[in-house]
Protein backbone atom coordinates (compact mmCIF):
# COMPACT_ATOMS: atom_id res chain seq x y z
CA MET A 1 -20.22 3.18 -8.23
CA ASP A 2 -20.27 2.30 -11.90
CA ARG A 3 -18.16 5.35 -12.74
CA ILE A 4 -15.50 4.35 -10.20
CA ALA A 5 -15.51 0.76 -11.46
CA SER A 6 -15.19 1.85 -15.09
CA TRP A 7 -12.39 4.27 -14.18
CA LEU A 8 -10.48 1.53 -12.36
CA ASP A 9 -11.02 -0.85 -15.28
CA ALA A 10 -9.67 1.76 -17.69
CA LEU A 11 -6.65 2.35 -15.45
CA GLU A 12 -5.98 -1.37 -15.23
CA LEU A 13 -6.22 -1.77 -19.00
CA TRP A 14 -3.84 1.16 -19.47
CA VAL A 15 -1.27 -0.34 -17.09
CA VAL A 16 -1.56 -3.80 -18.67
CA GLY A 17 -1.08 -2.24 -22.10
CA LEU A 18 2.25 -0.65 -21.16
CA PRO A 19 5.54 -2.32 -22.06
CA PHE A 20 7.20 -4.30 -19.27
CA ILE A 21 9.78 -1.75 -18.02
CA PRO A 22 7.39 1.22 -17.63
CA GLN A 23 4.82 -1.13 -16.08
CA PHE A 24 7.44 -2.42 -13.62
CA VAL A 25 8.59 1.09 -12.68
CA LEU A 26 5.02 2.32 -12.27
CA MET A 27 4.04 -0.59 -10.05
CA LEU A 28 7.16 -0.24 -7.89
CA SER A 29 6.62 3.49 -7.52
CA VAL A 30 3.08 2.81 -6.27
CA VAL A 31 3.44 -0.48 -4.38
CA ILE A 32 6.60 0.31 -2.38
CA PRO A 33 5.30 3.55 -0.77
CA ILE A 34 1.93 1.93 -0.01
CA SER A 35 3.63 -1.12 1.53
CA PHE A 36 5.92 1.01 3.68
CA SER A 37 2.97 3.14 4.80
CA ILE A 38 0.94 0.09 5.80
CA ALA A 39 3.93 -1.40 7.64
CA TRP A 40 4.56 1.90 9.49
CA ILE A 41 0.91 2.20 10.51
CA LEU A 42 0.82 -1.41 11.72
CA ASP A 43 4.06 -0.93 13.66
CA LYS A 44 2.85 2.22 15.41
CA SER A 45 -0.56 0.79 16.24
CA LEU A 46 0.93 -2.46 17.56
CA ASN A 47 3.42 -0.52 19.70
CA PHE A 48 0.54 1.58 21.07
CA ILE A 49 -1.58 -1.47 21.87
CA LEU A 50 1.31 -3.33 23.51
CA SER A 51 2.30 -0.30 25.59
CA ARG A 52 -1.31 -0.02 26.81
CA LEU A 53 -1.16 -3.69 27.84
CA GLY A 54 2.09 -3.10 29.73
CA ARG A 55 4.25 -4.99 27.27
CA GLY A 56 6.25 -2.13 25.80
CA SER A 57 9.67 -2.55 24.22
CA ASP A 58 11.40 -0.93 27.23
CA GLN A 59 10.68 -3.89 29.54
């Protein structure tokens, strides 16, 4: 666990040490795909749950 924590700390320090523009581009290239993936997973799972409860979007 200590190795993972130290690796993440080193990564964070590296990102914080970057100039603003590369830091901004790096964060957007990571955060946007993760956010879209989470939203897609939540959408599909909510649609599945609602269809099982008989409250699908076709009604």
